[in-house]
């Protein structure tokens, strides 16, 4: 199974692992995420696999602290776009 490792914190490093199957709450969330990943891949001209990896790390980071989850996919997309653009420059 695929795992995502998330490192967080200031000063101290905390690592959590989350199985990809546990990352998405339901099939709609998975479908919406895959659509966002494909759109980001086209926009950034990056391979889908690379975008998916960055996106899922960002989504896992956001979900680990989120109380309200309504906009997590949007925020994960924005953070993914930002990270990919930093690498390109």
Protein backbone atom coordinates (compact mmCIF):
# COMPACT_ATOMS: atom_id res chain seq x y z
CA UNK A 1 0.00 0.00 0.00
CA UNK A 2 1.14 3.56 -0.67
CA UNK A 3 1.93 5.71 2.33
CA UNK A 4 2.38 9.41 2.72
CA UNK A 5 4.88 10.75 5.20
CA UNK A 6 4.14 14.19 6.60
CA UNK A 7 6.73 16.16 8.52
CA UNK A 8 5.44 19.09 10.55
CA UNK A 9 6.30 21.35 13.40
CA UNK A 10 8.70 24.06 14.38
CA UNK A 11 11.79 22.93 16.17
CA UNK A 12 10.53 19.39 16.68
CA UNK A 13 9.83 17.13 13.73
CA UNK A 14 6.78 14.94 13.92
CA UNK A 15 6.16 12.29 11.30
CA UNK A 16 2.87 10.59 10.61
CA UNK A 17 2.00 7.97 8.05
CA UNK A 18 -1.36 7.76 6.41
CA UNK A 19 -2.46 5.18 3.87
CA UNK A 20 -3.71 6.68 0.64
CA UNK A 21 -6.97 4.75 0.97
CA UNK A 22 -7.53 6.55 4.29
CA UNK A 23 -6.73 9.95 2.80
CA UNK A 24 -10.00 10.30 0.90
CA UNK A 25 -13.30 10.21 2.78
CA UNK A 26 -15.34 8.86 -0.11
CA UNK A 27 -15.35 8.21 -3.85
CA UNK A 28 -16.57 11.75 -4.62
CA UNK A 29 -13.63 13.29 -2.78
CA UNK A 30 -11.28 10.94 -4.63
CA UNK A 31 -12.84 11.81 -8.00
CA UNK A 32 -12.66 15.55 -7.30
CA UNK A 33 -9.04 15.23 -6.20
CA UNK A 34 -8.08 13.26 -9.29
CA UNK A 35 -9.72 15.89 -11.50
CA UNK A 36 -7.79 18.63 -9.67
CA UNK A 37 -4.55 16.66 -9.97
CA UNK A 38 -5.02 16.21 -13.72
CA UNK A 39 -5.82 19.91 -14.17
CA UNK A 40 -2.74 20.91 -12.17
CA UNK A 41 -0.59 18.54 -14.21
CA UNK A 42 -1.77 20.17 -17.44
CA UNK A 43 -1.39 23.67 -16.02
CA UNK A 44 2.12 23.10 -14.66
CA UNK A 45 3.22 20.78 -17.48
CA UNK A 46 4.32 18.20 -14.91
CA UNK A 47 3.71 14.43 -14.87
CA UNK A 48 0.47 13.42 -13.18
CA UNK A 49 2.38 11.10 -10.82
CA UNK A 50 4.54 13.99 -9.56
CA UNK A 51 1.54 16.29 -9.07
CA UNK A 52 -0.41 13.51 -7.33
CA UNK A 53 2.43 12.90 -4.88
CA UNK A 54 2.74 16.59 -3.97
CA UNK A 55 -1.05 17.03 -3.79
CA UNK A 56 -1.55 14.06 -1.47
CA UNK A 57 1.20 15.24 0.87
CA UNK A 58 -0.41 18.68 1.03
CA UNK A 59 -3.88 17.21 1.55
CA UNK A 60 -2.61 14.96 4.34
CA UNK A 61 -0.94 17.94 6.03
CA UNK A 62 -4.12 19.96 5.87
CA UNK A 63 -6.32 17.10 7.06
CA UNK A 64 -4.11 16.36 10.03
CA UNK A 65 -5.06 19.66 11.68
CA UNK A 66 -8.42 20.49 10.08
CA UNK A 67 -11.63 20.86 12.04
CA UNK A 68 -13.59 22.20 9.08
CA UNK A 69 -12.92 20.28 5.90
CA UNK A 70 -15.14 22.04 3.34
CA UNK A 71 -12.29 23.72 1.44
CA UNK A 72 -9.42 21.29 1.94
CA UNK A 73 -9.30 20.21 -1.70
CA UNK A 74 -9.11 23.84 -2.82
CA UNK A 75 -6.34 24.61 -0.34
CA UNK A 76 -4.47 21.44 -1.27
CA UNK A 77 -4.63 22.46 -4.93
CA UNK A 78 -3.32 25.94 -4.18
CA UNK A 79 -0.48 24.64 -2.03
CA UNK A 80 0.41 22.06 -4.69
CA UNK A 81 0.51 24.74 -7.39
CA UNK A 82 2.72 26.91 -5.18
CA UNK A 83 5.14 24.08 -4.39
CA UNK A 84 5.42 23.02 -8.00
CA UNK A 85 6.01 26.60 -9.16
CA UNK A 86 8.79 27.04 -6.58
CA UNK A 87 10.57 23.97 -7.89
CA UNK A 88 10.29 25.25 -11.46
CA UNK A 89 11.98 28.58 -10.70
